[in-house]
Amino acid sequence: SDCGRPYGLEASNLTATSFDVTFSPAVPTDMA
C-alpha cells in the first residue's frame, strides 16, 4: 500500500477538558 502513517502529531491549546490536534499526512494524496 502507498498509504502511510501520519506523522508530526502535535497537541495545542490545552485546557482542563479539551485540546487541538494537528498532524501531517504521510502521502500528499491521503485524504481520510
PDB file of all heavy atoms in Angstrom:
ATOM      1  N   SER A   1       0.843  -1.192   0.000  1.00  0.00           N
ATOM      2  CA  SER A   1       0.000   0.000   0.000  1.00  0.00           C
ATOM      3  C   SER A   1       0.881   1.246   0.000  1.00  0.00           C
ATOM      4  O   SER A   1       1.933   1.276   0.624  1.00  0.00           O
ATOM      5  CB  SER A   1      -0.893   0.002   1.239  1.00  0.00           C
ATOM      6  OG  SER A   1      -1.571   1.223   1.360  1.00  0.00           O
ATOM      7  N   ASP A   2       0.421   2.267  -0.700  1.00  0.00           N
ATOM      8  CA  ASP A   2       1.130   3.539  -0.653  1.00  0.00           C
ATOM      9  C   ASP A   2       0.541   4.433   0.436  1.00  0.00           C
ATOM     10  O   ASP A   2       0.778   5.616   0.493  1.00  0.00           O
ATOM     11  CB  ASP A   2       1.107   4.237  -2.015  1.00  0.00           C
ATOM     12  CG  ASP A   2      -0.298   4.603  -2.453  1.00  0.00           C
ATOM     13  OD1 ASP A   2      -1.267   4.214  -1.781  1.00  0.00           O
ATOM     14  OD2 ASP A   2      -0.421   5.288  -3.480  1.00  0.00           O
ATOM     15  N   CYS A   3      -0.225   3.827   1.296  1.00  0.00           N
ATOM     16  CA  CYS A   3      -0.887   4.518   2.394  1.00  0.00           C
ATOM     17  C   CYS A   3       0.045   4.490   3.605  1.00  0.00           C
ATOM     18  O   CYS A   3       0.344   3.426   4.136  1.00  0.00           O
ATOM     19  CB  CYS A   3      -2.189   3.788   2.684  1.00  0.00           C
ATOM     20  SG  CYS A   3      -3.131   4.414   4.048  1.00  0.00           S
ATOM     21  N   GLY A   4       0.527   5.639   4.003  1.00  0.00           N
ATOM     22  CA  GLY A   4       1.488   5.688   5.096  1.00  0.00           C
ATOM     23  C   GLY A   4       0.899   6.201   6.389  1.00  0.00           C
ATOM     24  O   GLY A   4      -0.218   6.692   6.440  1.00  0.00           O
ATOM     25  N   ARG A   5       1.695   6.084   7.442  1.00  0.00           N
ATOM     26  CA  ARG A   5       1.278   6.560   8.757  1.00  0.00           C
ATOM     27  C   ARG A   5       1.417   8.072   8.842  1.00  0.00           C
ATOM     28  O   ARG A   5       2.432   8.635   8.423  1.00  0.00           O
ATOM     29  CB  ARG A   5       2.128   5.925   9.838  1.00  0.00           C
ATOM     30  CG  ARG A   5       1.814   4.457  10.037  1.00  0.00           C
ATOM     31  CD  ARG A   5       2.557   3.911  11.206  1.00  0.00           C
ATOM     32  NE  ARG A   5       3.944   3.692  10.800  1.00  0.00           N
ATOM     33  CZ  ARG A   5       4.902   3.296  11.593  1.00  0.00           C
ATOM     34  NH1 ARG A   5       4.663   3.086  12.852  1.00  0.00           N
ATOM     35  NH2 ARG A   5       6.122   3.118  11.140  1.00  0.00           N
ATOM     36  N   PRO A   6       0.428   8.746   9.412  1.00  0.00           N
ATOM     37  CA  PRO A   6       0.556  10.188   9.644  1.00  0.00           C
ATOM     38  C   PRO A   6       1.734  10.455  10.584  1.00  0.00           C
ATOM     39  O   PRO A   6       2.126   9.582  11.370  1.00  0.00           O
ATOM     40  CB  PRO A   6      -0.756  10.564  10.329  1.00  0.00           C
ATOM     41  CG  PRO A   6      -1.667   9.413  10.135  1.00  0.00           C
ATOM     42  CD  PRO A   6      -0.834   8.211   9.888  1.00  0.00           C
ATOM     43  N   TYR A   7       2.301  11.634  10.505  1.00  0.00           N
ATOM     44  CA  TYR A   7       3.437  11.971  11.365  1.00  0.00           C
ATOM     45  C   TYR A   7       3.297  13.406  11.860  1.00  0.00           C
ATOM     46  O   TYR A   7       2.419  14.142  11.418  1.00  0.00           O
ATOM     47  CB  TYR A   7       4.761  11.781  10.625  1.00  0.00           C
ATOM     48  CG  TYR A   7       4.981  12.751   9.492  1.00  0.00           C
ATOM     49  CD1 TYR A   7       5.689  13.925   9.696  1.00  0.00           C
ATOM     50  CD2 TYR A   7       4.458  12.505   8.225  1.00  0.00           C
ATOM     51  CE1 TYR A   7       5.874  14.833   8.669  1.00  0.00           C
ATOM     52  CE2 TYR A   7       4.639  13.409   7.187  1.00  0.00           C
ATOM     53  CZ  TYR A   7       5.353  14.567   7.416  1.00  0.00           C
ATOM     54  OH  TYR A   7       5.521  15.469   6.390  1.00  0.00           O
ATOM     55  N   GLY A   8       4.157  13.785  12.768  1.00  0.00           N
ATOM     56  CA  GLY A   8       4.164  15.157  13.290  1.00  0.00           C
ATOM     57  C   GLY A   8       2.949  15.477  14.134  1.00  0.00           C
ATOM     58  O   GLY A   8       2.507  16.627  14.173  1.00  0.00           O
ATOM     59  N   LEU A   9       2.415  14.500  14.828  1.00  0.00           N
ATOM     60  CA  LEU A   9       1.238  14.703  15.671  1.00  0.00           C
ATOM     61  C   LEU A   9       1.567  15.694  16.777  1.00  0.00           C
ATOM     62  O   LEU A   9       2.548  15.528  17.499  1.00  0.00           O
ATOM     63  CB  LEU A   9       0.830  13.356  16.262  1.00  0.00           C
ATOM     64  CG  LEU A   9      -0.512  13.249  16.953  1.00  0.00           C
ATOM     65  CD1 LEU A   9      -1.634  13.378  15.931  1.00  0.00           C
ATOM     66  CD2 LEU A   9      -0.624  11.926  17.673  1.00  0.00           C
ATOM     67  N   GLU A  10       0.765  16.753  16.879  1.00  0.00           N
ATOM     68  CA  GLU A  10       1.004  17.791  17.893  1.00  0.00           C
ATOM     69  C   GLU A  10      -0.290  18.186  18.569  1.00  0.00           C
ATOM     70  O   GLU A  10      -1.328  18.302  17.912  1.00  0.00           O
ATOM     71  CB  GLU A  10       1.609  19.036  17.254  1.00  0.00           C
ATOM     72  CG  GLU A  10       3.017  18.841  16.752  1.00  0.00           C
ATOM     73  CD  GLU A  10       3.644  20.137  16.266  1.00  0.00           C
ATOM     74  OE1 GLU A  10       3.243  21.226  16.726  1.00  0.00           O
ATOM     75  OE2 GLU A  10       4.534  20.047  15.415  1.00  0.00           O
ATOM     76  N   ALA A  11      -0.232  18.393  19.865  1.00  0.00           N
ATOM     77  CA  ALA A  11      -1.368  18.894  20.637  1.00  0.00           C
ATOM     78  C   ALA A  11      -1.100  20.347  20.998  1.00  0.00           C
ATOM     79  O   ALA A  11       0.029  20.726  21.302  1.00  0.00           O
ATOM     80  CB  ALA A  11      -1.558  18.065  21.895  1.00  0.00           C
ATOM     81  N   SER A  12      -2.156  21.165  20.946  1.00  0.00           N
ATOM     82  CA  SER A  12      -2.026  22.581  21.303  1.00  0.00           C
ATOM     83  C   SER A  12      -3.329  23.067  21.933  1.00  0.00           C
ATOM     84  O   SER A  12      -4.324  22.342  21.961  1.00  0.00           O
ATOM     85  CB  SER A  12      -1.689  23.415  20.061  1.00  0.00           C
ATOM     86  OG  SER A  12      -2.720  23.317  19.105  1.00  0.00           O
ATOM     87  N   ASN A  13      -3.316  24.287  22.416  1.00  0.00           N
ATOM     88  CA  ASN A  13      -4.494  24.903  23.042  1.00  0.00           C
ATOM     89  C   ASN A  13      -5.082  24.011  24.133  1.00  0.00           C
ATOM     90  O   ASN A  13      -6.288  23.813  24.211  1.00  0.00           O
ATOM     91  CB  ASN A  13      -5.553  25.258  21.995  1.00  0.00           C
ATOM     92  CG  ASN A  13      -5.027  26.226  20.968  1.00  0.00           C
ATOM     93  OD1 ASN A  13      -4.283  27.154  21.288  1.00  0.00           O
ATOM     94  ND2 ASN A  13      -5.380  25.992  19.717  1.00  0.00           N
ATOM     95  N   LEU A  14      -4.200  23.493  24.982  1.00  0.00           N
ATOM     96  CA  LEU A  14      -4.635  22.588  26.042  1.00  0.00           C
ATOM     97  C   LEU A  14      -5.409  23.319  27.125  1.00  0.00           C
ATOM     98  O   LEU A  14      -4.972  24.371  27.618  1.00  0.00           O
ATOM     99  CB  LEU A  14      -3.409  21.906  26.660  1.00  0.00           C
ATOM    100  CG  LEU A  14      -2.655  21.030  25.678  1.00  0.00           C
ATOM    101  CD1 LEU A  14      -1.204  21.418  25.624  1.00  0.00           C
ATOM    102  CD2 LEU A  14      -2.814  19.592  26.054  1.00  0.00           C
ATOM    103  N   THR A  15      -6.553  22.760  27.487  1.00  0.00           N
ATOM    104  CA  THR A  15      -7.324  23.240  28.642  1.00  0.00           C
ATOM    105  C   THR A  15      -7.554  22.030  29.545  1.00  0.00           C
ATOM    106  O   THR A  15      -7.116  20.926  29.235  1.00  0.00           O
ATOM    107  CB  THR A  15      -8.680  23.854  28.228  1.00  0.00           C
ATOM    108  OG1 THR A  15      -9.559  22.808  27.809  1.00  0.00           O
ATOM    109  CG2 THR A  15      -8.513  24.892  27.116  1.00  0.00           C
ATOM    110  N   ALA A  16      -8.288  22.214  30.619  1.00  0.00           N
ATOM    111  CA  ALA A  16      -8.565  21.101  31.535  1.00  0.00           C
ATOM    112  C   ALA A  16      -9.432  20.031  30.880  1.00  0.00           C
ATOM    113  O   ALA A  16      -9.381  18.863  31.271  1.00  0.00           O
ATOM    114  CB  ALA A  16      -9.246  21.618  32.799  1.00  0.00           C
ATOM    115  N   THR A  17     -10.215  20.405  29.846  1.00  0.00           N
ATOM    116  CA  THR A  17     -11.162  19.445  29.268  1.00  0.00           C
ATOM    117  C   THR A  17     -11.092  19.322  27.746  1.00  0.00           C
ATOM    118  O   THR A  17     -11.934  18.652  27.141  1.00  0.00           O
ATOM    119  CB  THR A  17     -12.604  19.819  29.653  1.00  0.00           C
ATOM    120  OG1 THR A  17     -12.881  21.147  29.170  1.00  0.00           O
ATOM    121  CG2 THR A  17     -12.815  19.755  31.158  1.00  0.00           C
ATOM    122  N   SER A  18     -10.095  19.964  27.110  1.00  0.00           N
ATOM    123  CA  SER A  18     -10.019  19.887  25.651  1.00  0.00           C
ATOM    124  C   SER A  18      -8.611  20.204  25.154  1.00  0.00           C
ATOM    125  O   SER A  18      -7.789  20.741  25.890  1.00  0.00           O
ATOM    126  CB  SER A  18     -11.010  20.859  25.005  1.00  0.00           C
ATOM    127  OG  SER A  18     -10.612  22.193  25.234  1.00  0.00           O
ATOM    128  N   PHE A  19      -8.356  19.873  23.897  1.00  0.00           N
ATOM    129  CA  PHE A  19      -7.130  20.275  23.211  1.00  0.00           C
ATOM    130  C   PHE A  19      -7.316  20.107  21.715  1.00  0.00           C
ATOM    131  O   PHE A  19      -8.217  19.410  21.250  1.00  0.00           O
ATOM    132  CB  PHE A  19      -5.899  19.506  23.713  1.00  0.00           C
ATOM    133  CG  PHE A  19      -5.964  18.014  23.568  1.00  0.00           C
ATOM    134  CD1 PHE A  19      -5.499  17.380  22.424  1.00  0.00           C
ATOM    135  CD2 PHE A  19      -6.472  17.232  24.592  1.00  0.00           C
ATOM    136  CE1 PHE A  19      -5.542  16.001  22.303  1.00  0.00           C
ATOM    137  CE2 PHE A  19      -6.518  15.850  24.483  1.00  0.00           C
ATOM    138  CZ  PHE A  19      -6.056  15.232  23.325  1.00  0.00           C
ATOM    139  N   ASP A  20      -6.473  20.786  20.948  1.00  0.00           N
ATOM    140  CA  ASP A  20      -6.478  20.683  19.487  1.00  0.00           C
ATOM    141  C   ASP A  20      -5.344  19.760  19.064  1.00  0.00           C
ATOM    142  O   ASP A  20      -4.295  19.721  19.694  1.00  0.00           O
ATOM    143  CB  ASP A  20      -6.264  22.048  18.833  1.00  0.00           C
ATOM    144  CG  ASP A  20      -7.396  23.015  19.112  1.00  0.00           C
ATOM    145  OD1 ASP A  20      -8.539  22.570  19.336  1.00  0.00           O
ATOM    146  OD2 ASP A  20      -7.133  24.232  19.125  1.00  0.00           O
ATOM    147  N   VAL A  21      -5.553  19.030  17.961  1.00  0.00           N
ATOM    148  CA  VAL A  21      -4.541  18.124  17.428  1.00  0.00           C
ATOM    149  C   VAL A  21      -4.329  18.434  15.956  1.00  0.00           C
ATOM    150  O   VAL A  21      -5.290  18.671  15.219  1.00  0.00           O
ATOM    151  CB  VAL A  21      -4.974  16.644  17.579  1.00  0.00           C
ATOM    152  CG1 VAL A  21      -3.955  15.705  16.937  1.00  0.00           C
ATOM    153  CG2 VAL A  21      -5.193  16.297  19.036  1.00  0.00           C
ATOM    154  N   THR A  22      -3.078  18.469  15.534  1.00  0.00           N
ATOM    155  CA  THR A  22      -2.729  18.580  14.116  1.00  0.00           C
ATOM    156  C   THR A  22      -1.712  17.490  13.788  1.00  0.00           C
ATOM    157  O   THR A  22      -1.010  17.000  14.664  1.00  0.00           O
ATOM    158  CB  THR A  22      -2.126  19.953  13.767  1.00  0.00           C
ATOM    159  OG1 THR A  22      -0.955  20.164  14.568  1.00  0.00           O
ATOM    160  CG2 THR A  22      -3.118  21.082  13.993  1.00  0.00           C
ATOM    161  N   PHE A  23      -1.664  17.098  12.511  1.00  0.00           N
ATOM    162  CA  PHE A  23      -0.698  16.111  12.048  1.00  0.00           C
ATOM    163  C   PHE A  23      -0.474  16.312  10.563  1.00  0.00           C
ATOM    164  O   PHE A  23      -1.192  17.067   9.904  1.00  0.00           O
ATOM    165  CB  PHE A  23      -1.173  14.676  12.350  1.00  0.00           C
ATOM    166  CG  PHE A  23      -2.456  14.308  11.671  1.00  0.00           C
ATOM    167  CD1 PHE A  23      -2.461  13.695  10.431  1.00  0.00           C
ATOM    168  CD2 PHE A  23      -3.677  14.568  12.271  1.00  0.00           C
ATOM    169  CE1 PHE A  23      -3.645  13.359   9.795  1.00  0.00           C
ATOM    170  CE2 PHE A  23      -4.866  14.242  11.651  1.00  0.00           C
ATOM    171  CZ  PHE A  23      -4.847  13.628  10.407  1.00  0.00           C
ATOM    172  N   SER A  24       0.530  15.635  10.032  1.00  0.00           N
ATOM    173  CA  SER A  24       0.832  15.700   8.601  1.00  0.00           C
ATOM    174  C   SER A  24       0.553  14.347   7.963  1.00  0.00           C
ATOM    175  O   SER A  24       0.869  13.307   8.556  1.00  0.00           O
ATOM    176  CB  SER A  24       2.307  16.060   8.387  1.00  0.00           C
ATOM    177  OG  SER A  24       2.569  17.347   8.893  1.00  0.00           O
ATOM    178  N   PRO A  25      -0.001  14.363   6.742  1.00  0.00           N
ATOM    179  CA  PRO A  25      -0.222  13.091   6.047  1.00  0.00           C
ATOM    180  C   PRO A  25       1.109  12.535   5.552  1.00  0.00           C
ATOM    181  O   PRO A  25       2.006  13.281   5.182  1.00  0.00           O
ATOM    182  CB  PRO A  25      -1.133  13.465   4.882  1.00  0.00           C
ATOM    183  CG  PRO A  25      -0.884  14.919   4.656  1.00  0.00           C
ATOM    184  CD  PRO A  25      -0.491  15.503   5.980  1.00  0.00           C
ATOM    185  N   ALA A  26       1.229  11.217   5.537  1.00  0.00           N
ATOM    186  CA  ALA A  26       2.458  10.578   5.060  1.00  0.00           C
ATOM    187  C   ALA A  26       2.609  10.727   3.558  1.00  0.00           C
ATOM    188  O   ALA A  26       3.711  10.856   3.045  1.00  0.00           O
ATOM    189  CB  ALA A  26       2.457   9.103   5.440  1.00  0.00           C
ATOM    190  N   VAL A  27       1.481  10.709   2.866  1.00  0.00           N
ATOM    191  CA  VAL A  27       1.454  10.800   1.408  1.00  0.00           C
ATOM    192  C   VAL A  27       0.523  11.957   1.051  1.00  0.00           C
ATOM    193  O   VAL A  27      -0.587  12.032   1.588  1.00  0.00           O
ATOM    194  CB  VAL A  27       0.934   9.477   0.791  1.00  0.00           C
ATOM    195  CG1 VAL A  27       0.860   9.554  -0.713  1.00  0.00           C
ATOM    196  CG2 VAL A  27       1.797   8.307   1.231  1.00  0.00           C
ATOM    197  N   PRO A  28       0.933  12.872   0.170  1.00  0.00           N
ATOM    198  CA  PRO A  28       0.096  14.032  -0.139  1.00  0.00           C
ATOM    199  C   PRO A  28      -1.308  13.683  -0.635  1.00  0.00           C
ATOM    200  O   PRO A  28      -2.232  14.465  -0.454  1.00  0.00           O
ATOM    201  CB  PRO A  28       0.880  14.766  -1.227  1.00  0.00           C
ATOM    202  CG  PRO A  28       2.292  14.334  -1.038  1.00  0.00           C
ATOM    203  CD  PRO A  28       2.226  12.927  -0.519  1.00  0.00           C
ATOM    204  N   THR A  29      -1.489  12.506  -1.205  1.00  0.00           N
ATOM    205  CA  THR A  29      -2.812  12.134  -1.711  1.00  0.00           C
ATOM    206  C   THR A  29      -3.706  11.503  -0.650  1.00  0.00           C
ATOM    207  O   THR A  29      -4.870  11.218  -0.918  1.00  0.00           O
ATOM    208  CB  THR A  29      -2.674  11.159  -2.903  1.00  0.00           C
ATOM    209  OG1 THR A  29      -1.909  10.027  -2.477  1.00  0.00           O
ATOM    210  CG2 THR A  29      -2.005  11.833  -4.081  1.00  0.00           C
ATOM    211  N   ASP A  30      -3.190  11.273   0.564  1.00  0.00           N
ATOM    212  CA  ASP A  30      -4.038  10.750   1.645  1.00  0.00           C
ATOM    213  C   ASP A  30      -5.115  11.785   1.962  1.00  0.00           C
ATOM    214  O   ASP A  30      -4.827  12.970   2.103  1.00  0.00           O
ATOM    215  CB  ASP A  30      -3.215  10.472   2.909  1.00  0.00           C
ATOM    216  CG  ASP A  30      -2.301   9.267   2.769  1.00  0.00           C
ATOM    217  OD1 ASP A  30      -2.504   8.471   1.836  1.00  0.00           O
ATOM    218  OD2 ASP A  30      -1.385   9.137   3.602  1.00  0.00           O
ATOM    219  N   MET A  31      -6.359  11.317   2.064  1.00  0.00           N
ATOM    220  CA  MET A  31      -7.477  12.236   2.278  1.00  0.00           C
ATOM    221  C   MET A  31      -8.409  11.821   3.412  1.00  0.00           C
ATOM    222  O   MET A  31      -9.399  12.496   3.672  1.00  0.00           O
ATOM    223  CB  MET A  31      -8.300  12.352   0.988  1.00  0.00           C
ATOM    224  CG  MET A  31      -7.506  12.842  -0.210  1.00  0.00           C
ATOM    225  SD  MET A  31      -6.794  14.470   0.016  1.00  0.00           S
ATOM    226  CE  MET A  31      -8.227  15.493  -0.110  1.00  0.00           C
ATOM    227  N   ALA A  32      -8.139  10.693   4.079  1.00  0.00           N
ATOM    228  CA  ALA A  32      -9.054  10.222   5.122  1.00  0.00           C
ATOM    229  C   ALA A  32      -8.248   9.591   6.256  1.00  0.00           C
ATOM    230  O   ALA A  32      -7.288   8.864   6.013  1.00  0.00           O
ATOM    231  CB  ALA A  32     -10.036   9.220   4.542  1.00  0.00           C
TER     232      ALA A  32
END
